[in-house]
Amino acid sequence: MESQTFIKEKGSFIIAIAAVSGGGKTEITKALGNQLPHAVALHFDEFELAGPSSIIQWIENGANTQAWDITLIVKELQRFKQNYAYIILDFPFSYLHQAIASEIDLSFFIDTPLDIALARRILRDFEHVKDINDDLRYYMKKSRGAYIHMLETVRMDADEVIDGTLSKEETTQQIIEEVNRRIKDESDSNR
């Protein structure tokens, strides 16, 4: 049985989806965009953003999210706000970037075990490559720190943490139920 989806009374309801690389952000964002009425998705990776040239160096230097110029995302978000009931952000920083934090109504962190995220990334990025040893060595030596950093910061900043081992359908359903609950609560408190 499908649950009723509520529409916010005024403006768009903005949902941020965060996870480590390979954690399921993009897949869940697309699924939500297809299931929520009058929805649009914005994907961080689809924008040409000015930011750190080395993720590893950025993490080692403290991972200041403000180092990313997300002006293009903010402009696109503003453009969509009057035309869509839901805007879903495939966005790795949750509320941690000041330029967009106040716009987000609800943030989810998909808490995917690192081994599963790494396996997904390898399957995605090396679909036609047989030798992935270099990437795995790099992960163990350098990039694992970026994953750990997200678990220690972005996960703690999200409103809700979702089990990253759930199916796409289960994850999407949990998010829609929480969005509906929040919109209904907001609507009830405005009466």
N, C-alpha and C. Protein backbone atom coordinates (compact mmCIF):
# COMPACT_ATOMS: atom_id res chain seq x y z
N MET A 1 0.84 -1.19 0.00
CA MET A 1 0.00 0.00 0.00
C MET A 1 0.88 1.25 0.00
N GLU A 2 0.64 2.14 -0.95
CA GLU A 2 1.44 3.35 -1.02
C GLU A 2 0.84 4.41 -0.10
N SER A 3 1.72 5.15 0.54
CA SER A 3 1.25 6.19 1.44
C SER A 3 0.99 7.48 0.67
N GLN A 4 0.12 8.29 1.21
CA GLN A 4 -0.19 9.58 0.60
C GLN A 4 1.04 10.47 0.70
N THR A 5 1.28 11.28 -0.32
CA THR A 5 2.38 12.23 -0.29
C THR A 5 1.79 13.61 -0.07
N PHE A 6 2.32 14.31 0.91
CA PHE A 6 1.85 15.65 1.22
C PHE A 6 2.63 16.69 0.43
N ILE A 7 1.99 17.79 0.15
CA ILE A 7 2.63 18.91 -0.53
C ILE A 7 2.72 20.05 0.48
N LYS A 8 3.89 20.65 0.57
CA LYS A 8 4.08 21.79 1.46
C LYS A 8 3.17 22.93 1.01
N GLU A 9 2.62 23.66 1.96
CA GLU A 9 1.65 24.69 1.62
C GLU A 9 2.24 25.84 0.80
N LYS A 10 3.46 26.26 1.10
CA LYS A 10 4.07 27.36 0.37
C LYS A 10 5.51 27.02 0.04
N GLY A 11 5.87 27.19 -1.22
CA GLY A 11 7.25 26.97 -1.64
C GLY A 11 7.63 25.51 -1.73
N SER A 12 8.85 25.28 -2.08
CA SER A 12 9.37 23.93 -2.24
C SER A 12 9.85 23.35 -0.91
N PHE A 13 9.76 22.03 -0.82
CA PHE A 13 10.35 21.30 0.30
C PHE A 13 11.67 20.76 -0.21
N ILE A 14 12.76 21.19 0.42
CA ILE A 14 14.09 20.86 -0.09
C ILE A 14 14.72 19.78 0.78
N ILE A 15 15.09 18.68 0.11
CA ILE A 15 15.62 17.49 0.77
C ILE A 15 17.06 17.30 0.31
N ALA A 16 17.98 17.18 1.25
CA ALA A 16 19.38 16.89 0.92
C ALA A 16 19.65 15.41 1.19
N ILE A 17 20.34 14.77 0.26
CA ILE A 17 20.73 13.37 0.40
C ILE A 17 22.26 13.33 0.38
N ALA A 18 22.85 12.86 1.46
CA ALA A 18 24.31 12.78 1.57
C ALA A 18 24.72 11.34 1.86
N ALA A 19 25.93 11.00 1.45
CA ALA A 19 26.53 9.70 1.72
C ALA A 19 27.97 9.77 1.24
N VAL A 20 28.77 8.80 1.64
CA VAL A 20 30.12 8.70 1.09
C VAL A 20 30.03 8.34 -0.38
N SER A 21 31.12 8.47 -1.10
CA SER A 21 31.15 8.07 -2.51
C SER A 21 30.81 6.59 -2.61
N GLY A 22 29.84 6.26 -3.45
CA GLY A 22 29.37 4.88 -3.56
C GLY A 22 28.30 4.54 -2.54
N GLY A 23 27.86 5.53 -1.78
CA GLY A 23 26.89 5.31 -0.71
C GLY A 23 25.45 5.27 -1.15
N GLY A 24 25.16 5.66 -2.39
CA GLY A 24 23.79 5.58 -2.90
C GLY A 24 23.09 6.91 -3.07
N LYS A 25 23.80 8.04 -2.91
CA LYS A 25 23.17 9.37 -3.02
C LYS A 25 22.42 9.54 -4.34
N THR A 26 23.12 9.29 -5.42
CA THR A 26 22.55 9.56 -6.75
C THR A 26 21.37 8.65 -7.04
N GLU A 27 21.50 7.38 -6.74
CA GLU A 27 20.42 6.43 -7.00
C GLU A 27 19.17 6.79 -6.20
N ILE A 28 19.33 7.12 -4.94
CA ILE A 28 18.18 7.48 -4.09
C ILE A 28 17.59 8.82 -4.52
N THR A 29 18.44 9.78 -4.88
CA THR A 29 17.95 11.07 -5.36
C THR A 29 17.09 10.89 -6.60
N LYS A 30 17.55 10.08 -7.54
CA LYS A 30 16.77 9.81 -8.76
C LYS A 30 15.45 9.12 -8.43
N ALA A 31 15.49 8.14 -7.53
CA ALA A 31 14.26 7.42 -7.15
C ALA A 31 13.25 8.36 -6.50
N LEU A 32 13.73 9.24 -5.62
CA LEU A 32 12.83 10.21 -4.99
C LEU A 32 12.25 11.17 -6.03
N GLY A 33 13.09 11.60 -6.96
CA GLY A 33 12.62 12.49 -8.02
C GLY A 33 11.52 11.87 -8.87
N ASN A 34 11.58 10.55 -9.01
CA ASN A 34 10.55 9.84 -9.78
C ASN A 34 9.29 9.55 -8.98
N GLN A 35 9.40 9.50 -7.66
CA GLN A 35 8.25 9.12 -6.83
C GLN A 35 7.51 10.29 -6.20
N LEU A 36 8.21 11.37 -5.92
CA LEU A 36 7.54 12.52 -5.31
C LEU A 36 6.89 13.36 -6.41
N PRO A 37 5.69 13.89 -6.15
CA PRO A 37 5.02 14.70 -7.17
C PRO A 37 5.71 16.06 -7.36
N HIS A 38 5.74 16.51 -8.59
CA HIS A 38 6.30 17.83 -8.92
C HIS A 38 7.70 18.00 -8.33
N ALA A 39 8.56 17.02 -8.58
CA ALA A 39 9.90 17.03 -8.00
C ALA A 39 10.97 17.21 -9.07
N VAL A 40 12.09 17.76 -8.65
CA VAL A 40 13.27 17.89 -9.50
C VAL A 40 14.48 17.56 -8.64
N ALA A 41 15.50 17.02 -9.29
CA ALA A 41 16.73 16.66 -8.58
C ALA A 41 17.89 17.51 -9.07
N LEU A 42 18.75 17.89 -8.14
CA LEU A 42 19.99 18.58 -8.46
C LEU A 42 21.13 17.71 -7.94
N HIS A 43 22.08 17.41 -8.83
CA HIS A 43 23.19 16.52 -8.48
C HIS A 43 24.50 17.29 -8.42
N PHE A 44 25.14 17.28 -7.27
CA PHE A 44 26.41 17.96 -7.03
C PHE A 44 27.41 17.68 -8.15
N ASP A 45 27.54 16.42 -8.55
CA ASP A 45 28.54 16.01 -9.53
C ASP A 45 28.26 16.51 -10.94
N GLU A 46 27.07 17.01 -11.21
CA GLU A 46 26.73 17.50 -12.54
C GLU A 46 27.08 18.97 -12.74
N PHE A 47 27.58 19.62 -11.70
CA PHE A 47 27.95 21.03 -11.80
C PHE A 47 29.46 21.17 -11.89
N GLU A 48 29.92 22.11 -12.70
CA GLU A 48 31.34 22.44 -12.78
C GLU A 48 31.61 23.46 -11.67
N LEU A 49 32.04 22.97 -10.54
CA LEU A 49 32.23 23.82 -9.37
C LEU A 49 33.71 24.09 -9.12
N ALA A 50 34.01 25.31 -8.72
CA ALA A 50 35.36 25.62 -8.29
C ALA A 50 35.52 25.06 -6.88
N GLY A 51 36.60 24.37 -6.68
CA GLY A 51 36.85 23.78 -5.37
C GLY A 51 38.24 23.21 -5.30
N PRO A 52 38.53 22.51 -4.24
CA PRO A 52 39.87 21.93 -4.06
C PRO A 52 40.25 21.02 -5.23
N SER A 53 41.51 21.09 -5.64
CA SER A 53 41.97 20.25 -6.75
C SER A 53 42.28 18.83 -6.27
N SER A 54 42.56 18.68 -4.99
CA SER A 54 42.85 17.35 -4.44
C SER A 54 41.97 17.11 -3.21
N ILE A 55 41.11 16.11 -3.31
CA ILE A 55 40.23 15.78 -2.18
C ILE A 55 41.06 15.35 -0.97
N ILE A 56 42.11 14.60 -1.22
CA ILE A 56 42.96 14.11 -0.13
C ILE A 56 43.62 15.29 0.59
N GLN A 57 44.18 16.23 -0.16
CA GLN A 57 44.81 17.41 0.45
C GLN A 57 43.75 18.24 1.19
N TRP A 58 42.58 18.36 0.61
CA TRP A 58 41.48 19.10 1.24
C TRP A 58 41.13 18.48 2.59
N ILE A 59 41.02 17.15 2.64
CA ILE A 59 40.72 16.45 3.90
C ILE A 59 41.84 16.69 4.90
N GLU A 60 43.08 16.53 4.45
CA GLU A 60 44.23 16.71 5.35
C GLU A 60 44.32 18.13 5.89
N ASN A 61 43.79 19.10 5.14
CA ASN A 61 43.79 20.50 5.57
C ASN A 61 42.55 20.89 6.37
N GLY A 62 41.74 19.93 6.74
CA GLY A 62 40.58 20.22 7.58
C GLY A 62 39.23 20.12 6.90
N ALA A 63 39.19 19.91 5.61
CA ALA A 63 37.94 19.69 4.86
C ALA A 63 36.91 20.80 5.07
N ASN A 64 37.34 22.04 4.91
CA ASN A 64 36.43 23.18 5.02
C ASN A 64 35.47 23.16 3.82
N THR A 65 34.21 22.90 4.08
CA THR A 65 33.22 22.81 3.00
C THR A 65 33.05 24.15 2.26
N GLN A 66 33.39 25.25 2.93
CA GLN A 66 33.27 26.56 2.29
C GLN A 66 34.29 26.75 1.17
N ALA A 67 35.26 25.84 1.06
CA ALA A 67 36.24 25.90 -0.03
C ALA A 67 35.60 25.59 -1.38
N TRP A 68 34.40 25.03 -1.35
CA TRP A 68 33.67 24.72 -2.59
C TRP A 68 32.77 25.89 -2.93
N ASP A 69 32.90 26.43 -4.12
CA ASP A 69 32.02 27.50 -4.58
C ASP A 69 30.78 26.85 -5.21
N ILE A 70 29.69 26.83 -4.45
CA ILE A 70 28.47 26.17 -4.92
C ILE A 70 27.44 27.18 -5.45
N THR A 71 27.92 28.33 -5.89
CA THR A 71 27.03 29.38 -6.41
C THR A 71 26.11 28.85 -7.51
N LEU A 72 26.63 28.01 -8.39
CA LEU A 72 25.81 27.47 -9.49
C LEU A 72 24.66 26.61 -8.96
N ILE A 73 24.92 25.85 -7.93
CA ILE A 73 23.86 25.02 -7.33
C ILE A 73 22.81 25.92 -6.67
N VAL A 74 23.26 26.92 -5.94
CA VAL A 74 22.34 27.83 -5.27
C VAL A 74 21.47 28.56 -6.28
N LYS A 75 22.05 29.01 -7.38
CA LYS A 75 21.28 29.70 -8.43
C LYS A 75 20.23 28.77 -9.03
N GLU A 76 20.62 27.55 -9.30
CA GLU A 76 19.68 26.57 -9.87
C GLU A 76 18.56 26.27 -8.86
N LEU A 77 18.92 26.14 -7.62
CA LEU A 77 17.93 25.91 -6.56
C LEU A 77 16.92 27.05 -6.51
N GLN A 78 17.39 28.28 -6.55
CA GLN A 78 16.51 29.44 -6.52
C GLN A 78 15.58 29.46 -7.74
N ARG A 79 16.12 29.07 -8.87
CA ARG A 79 15.33 29.04 -10.11
C ARG A 79 14.19 28.02 -10.02
N PHE A 80 14.45 26.91 -9.35
CA PHE A 80 13.46 25.83 -9.27
C PHE A 80 12.45 26.01 -8.13
N LYS A 81 12.74 26.85 -7.15
CA LYS A 81 11.93 26.93 -5.94
C LYS A 81 10.46 27.25 -6.20
N GLN A 82 10.15 28.06 -7.17
CA GLN A 82 8.76 28.43 -7.41
C GLN A 82 8.02 27.46 -8.32
N ASN A 83 8.75 26.53 -8.93
CA ASN A 83 8.14 25.65 -9.92
C ASN A 83 7.99 24.20 -9.50
N TYR A 84 8.59 23.82 -8.39
CA TYR A 84 8.56 22.42 -7.96
C TYR A 84 8.16 22.31 -6.50
N ALA A 85 7.37 21.28 -6.20
CA ALA A 85 6.97 21.03 -4.81
C ALA A 85 8.14 20.48 -4.00
N TYR A 86 8.98 19.68 -4.66
CA TYR A 86 10.13 19.06 -3.99
C TYR A 86 11.39 19.29 -4.81
N ILE A 87 12.46 19.65 -4.12
CA ILE A 87 13.77 19.72 -4.74
C ILE A 87 14.66 18.77 -3.94
N ILE A 88 15.23 17.80 -4.65
CA ILE A 88 16.07 16.82 -3.98
C ILE A 88 17.51 17.12 -4.37
N LEU A 89 18.35 17.36 -3.37
CA LEU A 89 19.75 17.68 -3.59
C LEU A 89 20.62 16.45 -3.33
N ASP A 90 21.29 15.98 -4.35
CA ASP A 90 22.32 14.96 -4.23
C ASP A 90 23.56 15.77 -3.83
N PHE A 91 23.78 15.90 -2.52
CA PHE A 91 24.71 16.91 -2.00
C PHE A 91 25.53 16.32 -0.86
N PRO A 92 26.84 16.24 -0.99
CA PRO A 92 27.64 15.53 0.01
C PRO A 92 27.81 16.23 1.35
N PHE A 93 27.39 17.48 1.48
CA PHE A 93 27.71 18.24 2.68
C PHE A 93 26.56 18.44 3.67
N SER A 94 25.37 17.96 3.37
CA SER A 94 24.23 18.15 4.27
C SER A 94 24.08 19.65 4.57
N TYR A 95 24.03 20.01 5.84
CA TYR A 95 23.90 21.42 6.24
C TYR A 95 25.25 22.12 6.39
N LEU A 96 26.35 21.45 6.09
CA LEU A 96 27.67 21.99 6.42
C LEU A 96 28.16 23.11 5.50
N HIS A 97 27.45 23.41 4.42
CA HIS A 97 27.86 24.53 3.56
C HIS A 97 26.92 25.70 3.80
N GLN A 98 27.48 26.82 4.26
CA GLN A 98 26.69 27.98 4.65
C GLN A 98 25.83 28.55 3.52
N ALA A 99 26.26 28.41 2.30
CA ALA A 99 25.55 29.01 1.17
C ALA A 99 24.20 28.35 0.91
N ILE A 100 23.98 27.16 1.47
CA ILE A 100 22.75 26.44 1.16
C ILE A 100 22.05 25.89 2.40
N ALA A 101 22.71 25.90 3.53
CA ALA A 101 22.18 25.28 4.75
C ALA A 101 20.77 25.76 5.11
N SER A 102 20.54 27.06 5.03
CA SER A 102 19.24 27.60 5.44
C SER A 102 18.12 27.23 4.46
N GLU A 103 18.46 26.78 3.28
CA GLU A 103 17.47 26.39 2.28
C GLU A 103 16.94 24.96 2.50
N ILE A 104 17.72 24.13 3.16
CA ILE A 104 17.38 22.71 3.30
C ILE A 104 16.33 22.52 4.39
N ASP A 105 15.25 21.81 4.04
CA ASP A 105 14.22 21.51 5.02
C ASP A 105 14.51 20.22 5.78
N LEU A 106 15.15 19.28 5.13
CA LEU A 106 15.40 17.97 5.75
C LEU A 106 16.60 17.33 5.07
N SER A 107 17.52 16.85 5.88
CA SER A 107 18.73 16.22 5.35
C SER A 107 18.81 14.77 5.80
N PHE A 108 19.16 13.90 4.87
CA PHE A 108 19.34 12.48 5.16
C PHE A 108 20.78 12.09 4.86
N PHE A 109 21.35 11.27 5.71
CA PHE A 109 22.65 10.67 5.44
C PHE A 109 22.43 9.18 5.29
N ILE A 110 22.81 8.64 4.14
CA ILE A 110 22.70 7.20 3.91
C ILE A 110 23.99 6.58 4.46
N ASP A 111 23.86 5.88 5.54
CA ASP A 111 25.00 5.32 6.26
C ASP A 111 25.37 3.96 5.69
N THR A 112 26.13 3.99 4.62
CA THR A 112 26.52 2.78 3.91
C THR A 112 27.86 2.29 4.45
N PRO A 113 27.95 1.03 4.82
CA PRO A 113 29.25 0.50 5.27
C PRO A 113 30.32 0.75 4.20
N LEU A 114 31.52 1.10 4.65
CA LEU A 114 32.56 1.52 3.73
C LEU A 114 32.93 0.43 2.72
N ASP A 115 32.88 -0.82 3.13
CA ASP A 115 33.22 -1.88 2.18
C ASP A 115 32.19 -1.96 1.06
N ILE A 116 30.92 -1.76 1.38
CA ILE A 116 29.88 -1.78 0.36
C ILE A 116 30.02 -0.57 -0.56
N ALA A 117 30.29 0.61 0.02
CA ALA A 117 30.48 1.81 -0.79
C ALA A 117 31.67 1.65 -1.73
N LEU A 118 32.76 1.09 -1.23
CA LEU A 118 33.93 0.88 -2.07
C LEU A 118 33.61 -0.11 -3.19
N ALA A 119 32.93 -1.19 -2.86
CA ALA A 119 32.57 -2.19 -3.87
C ALA A 119 31.67 -1.56 -4.94
N ARG A 120 30.71 -0.74 -4.54
CA ARG A 120 29.83 -0.08 -5.51
C ARG A 120 30.63 0.85 -6.42
N ARG A 121 31.55 1.61 -5.80
CA ARG A 121 32.36 2.53 -6.58
C ARG A 121 33.22 1.79 -7.60
N ILE A 122 33.79 0.69 -7.19
CA ILE A 122 34.62 -0.09 -8.10
C ILE A 122 33.76 -0.64 -9.24
N LEU A 123 32.59 -1.16 -8.91
CA LEU A 123 31.71 -1.69 -9.95
C LEU A 123 31.28 -0.58 -10.93
N ARG A 124 31.04 0.61 -10.38
CA ARG A 124 30.61 1.74 -11.21
C ARG A 124 31.76 2.29 -12.06
N ASP A 125 32.90 2.54 -11.43
CA ASP A 125 33.99 3.23 -12.10
C ASP A 125 34.88 2.32 -12.95
N PHE A 126 34.86 1.04 -12.65
CA PHE A 126 35.76 0.11 -13.34
C PHE A 126 35.01 -1.00 -14.03
N GLU A 127 33.86 -0.66 -14.57
CA GLU A 127 33.00 -1.65 -15.20
C GLU A 127 33.72 -2.43 -16.30
N HIS A 128 34.59 -1.75 -17.05
CA HIS A 128 35.26 -2.40 -18.18
C HIS A 128 36.76 -2.58 -17.95
N VAL A 129 37.21 -2.43 -16.71
CA VAL A 129 38.63 -2.55 -16.40
C VAL A 129 38.85 -3.78 -15.53
N LYS A 130 39.81 -4.59 -15.89
CA LYS A 130 40.06 -5.80 -15.12
C LYS A 130 41.04 -5.58 -13.98
N ASP A 131 41.98 -4.65 -14.11
CA ASP A 131 43.00 -4.44 -13.09
C ASP A 131 42.64 -3.21 -12.26
N ILE A 132 42.21 -3.42 -11.06
CA ILE A 132 41.82 -2.32 -10.18
C ILE A 132 42.74 -2.20 -8.98
N ASN A 133 43.84 -2.90 -9.02
CA ASN A 133 44.75 -2.91 -7.88
C ASN A 133 45.23 -1.53 -7.48
N ASP A 134 45.55 -0.67 -8.44
CA ASP A 134 46.03 0.67 -8.12
C ASP A 134 44.98 1.47 -7.35
N ASP A 135 43.73 1.38 -7.77
CA ASP A 135 42.67 2.11 -7.08
C ASP A 135 42.47 1.61 -5.66
N LEU A 136 42.55 0.30 -5.47
CA LEU A 136 42.39 -0.26 -4.12
C LEU A 136 43.56 0.14 -3.22
N ARG A 137 44.77 0.14 -3.77
CA ARG A 137 45.93 0.59 -2.97
C ARG A 137 45.76 2.06 -2.58
N TYR A 138 45.31 2.88 -3.53
CA TYR A 138 45.10 4.30 -3.26
C TYR A 138 44.04 4.49 -2.18
N TYR A 139 42.98 3.71 -2.26
CA TYR A 139 41.94 3.79 -1.24
C TYR A 139 42.52 3.48 0.14
N MET A 140 43.25 2.41 0.25
CA MET A 140 43.79 2.01 1.56
C MET A 140 44.80 3.02 2.08
N LYS A 141 45.61 3.59 1.18
CA LYS A 141 46.67 4.50 1.61
C LYS A 141 46.18 5.93 1.81
N LYS A 142 45.29 6.40 0.95
CA LYS A 142 44.92 7.82 0.96
C LYS A 142 43.43 8.12 1.14
N SER A 143 42.61 7.61 0.23
CA SER A 143 41.24 8.12 0.16
C SER A 143 40.32 7.60 1.25
N ARG A 144 40.66 6.55 1.96
CA ARG A 144 39.82 6.07 3.05
C ARG A 144 39.56 7.19 4.07
N GLY A 145 40.53 8.07 4.25
CA GLY A 145 40.37 9.19 5.18
C GLY A 145 39.20 10.09 4.81
N ALA A 146 38.96 10.26 3.52
CA ALA A 146 37.83 11.08 3.08
C ALA A 146 36.52 10.43 3.48
N TYR A 147 36.45 9.13 3.37
CA TYR A 147 35.25 8.39 3.78
C TYR A 147 35.03 8.54 5.29
N ILE A 148 36.09 8.33 6.04
CA ILE A 148 36.00 8.44 7.51
C ILE A 148 35.58 9.85 7.90
N HIS A 149 36.13 10.85 7.23
CA HIS A 149 35.76 12.24 7.52
C HIS A 149 34.26 12.45 7.36
N MET A 150 33.67 11.92 6.30
CA MET A 150 32.22 12.08 6.09
C MET A 150 31.43 11.43 7.23
N LEU A 151 31.89 10.27 7.67
CA LEU A 151 31.19 9.60 8.77
C LEU A 151 31.26 10.43 10.05
N GLU A 152 32.36 11.13 10.25
CA GLU A 152 32.56 11.91 11.47
C GLU A 152 31.93 13.29 11.41
N THR A 153 31.60 13.79 10.21
CA THR A 153 31.06 15.15 10.11
C THR A 153 29.67 15.17 9.48
N VAL A 154 29.57 14.81 8.21
CA VAL A 154 28.30 14.94 7.49
C VAL A 154 27.24 14.05 8.11
N ARG A 155 27.58 12.82 8.45
CA ARG A 155 26.59 11.93 9.07
C ARG A 155 26.03 12.55 10.34
N MET A 156 26.89 13.17 11.14
CA MET A 156 26.45 13.77 12.40
C MET A 156 25.61 15.02 12.19
N ASP A 157 25.70 15.63 11.02
CA ASP A 157 25.01 16.88 10.73
C ASP A 157 23.62 16.66 10.13
N ALA A 158 23.35 15.46 9.65
CA ALA A 158 22.07 15.18 8.99
C ALA A 158 20.94 15.09 10.01
N ASP A 159 19.73 15.36 9.55
CA ASP A 159 18.56 15.20 10.42
C ASP A 159 18.25 13.74 10.67
N GLU A 160 18.41 12.93 9.64
CA GLU A 160 18.09 11.51 9.72
C GLU A 160 19.22 10.71 9.09
N VAL A 161 19.53 9.56 9.68
CA VAL A 161 20.53 8.65 9.12
C VAL A 161 19.79 7.39 8.68
N ILE A 162 20.02 7.00 7.43
CA ILE A 162 19.35 5.85 6.84
C ILE A 162 20.36 4.72 6.69
N ASP A 163 19.95 3.51 6.98
CA ASP A 163 20.80 2.33 6.84
C ASP A 163 21.14 2.12 5.36
N GLY A 164 22.40 2.21 5.02
CA GLY A 164 22.85 2.12 3.64
C GLY A 164 22.82 0.71 3.07
N THR A 165 22.43 -0.28 3.87
CA THR A 165 22.33 -1.64 3.35
C THR A 165 20.91 -1.97 2.89
N LEU A 166 19.98 -1.03 3.10
CA LEU A 166 18.61 -1.26 2.65
C LEU A 166 18.53 -1.17 1.13
N SER A 167 17.50 -1.75 0.57
CA SER A 167 17.29 -1.65 -0.87
C SER A 167 16.92 -0.21 -1.23
N LYS A 168 17.04 0.11 -2.52
CA LYS A 168 16.66 1.44 -3.00
C LYS A 168 15.21 1.72 -2.65
N GLU A 169 14.34 0.71 -2.82
CA GLU A 169 12.91 0.90 -2.54
C GLU A 169 12.67 1.17 -1.05
N GLU A 170 13.34 0.41 -0.18
CA GLU A 170 13.16 0.61 1.26
C GLU A 170 13.69 1.97 1.69
N THR A 171 14.84 2.36 1.17
CA THR A 171 15.43 3.66 1.51
C THR A 171 14.52 4.79 1.06
N THR A 172 14.07 4.71 -0.18
CA THR A 172 13.19 5.75 -0.73
C THR A 172 11.92 5.85 0.09
N GLN A 173 11.32 4.72 0.45
CA GLN A 173 10.09 4.72 1.24
C GLN A 173 10.31 5.36 2.61
N GLN A 174 11.43 5.04 3.27
CA GLN A 174 11.71 5.66 4.58
C GLN A 174 11.83 7.17 4.46
N ILE A 175 12.49 7.63 3.41
CA ILE A 175 12.66 9.07 3.23
C ILE A 175 11.32 9.74 2.96
N ILE A 176 10.52 9.16 2.08
CA ILE A 176 9.20 9.74 1.77
C ILE A 176 8.33 9.78 3.03
N GLU A 177 8.35 8.74 3.82
CA GLU A 177 7.56 8.73 5.06
C GLU A 177 8.00 9.84 6.02
N GLU A 178 9.31 10.05 6.14
CA GLU A 178 9.80 11.11 7.03
C GLU A 178 9.48 12.49 6.47
N VAL A 179 9.61 12.68 5.16
CA VAL A 179 9.25 13.96 4.54
C VAL A 179 7.77 14.24 4.78
N ASN A 180 6.92 13.25 4.56
CA ASN A 180 5.48 13.41 4.79
C ASN A 180 5.19 13.78 6.24
N ARG A 181 5.86 13.11 7.16
CA ARG A 181 5.65 13.39 8.59
C ARG A 181 6.02 14.84 8.90
N ARG A 182 7.16 15.28 8.37
CA ARG A 182 7.62 16.65 8.64
C ARG A 182 6.67 17.69 8.04
N ILE A 183 6.23 17.46 6.81
CA ILE A 183 5.31 18.40 6.17
C ILE A 183 3.98 18.43 6.91
N LYS A 184 3.47 17.27 7.29
CA LYS A 184 2.21 17.21 8.03
C LYS A 184 2.35 17.92 9.38
N ASP A 185 3.45 17.69 10.09
CA ASP A 185 3.68 18.35 11.38
C ASP A 185 3.75 19.86 11.21
N GLU A 186 4.44 20.31 10.15
CA GLU A 186 4.55 21.73 9.87
C GLU A 186 3.19 22.32 9.55
N SER A 187 2.42 21.61 8.76
CA SER A 187 1.08 22.06 8.38
C SER A 187 0.17 22.14 9.61
N ASP A 188 0.24 21.10 10.47
CA ASP A 188 -0.58 21.07 11.69
C ASP A 188 -0.20 22.21 12.64
N SER A 189 1.10 22.52 12.73
CA SER A 189 1.53 23.59 13.65
C SER A 189 1.17 24.97 13.13
N ASN A 190 0.91 25.10 11.83
CA ASN A 190 0.54 26.39 11.25
C ASN A 190 -0.95 26.67 11.34
N ARG A 191 -1.71 25.71 11.82
CA ARG A 191 -3.17 25.90 11.90
C ARG A 191 -3.57 26.61 13.15
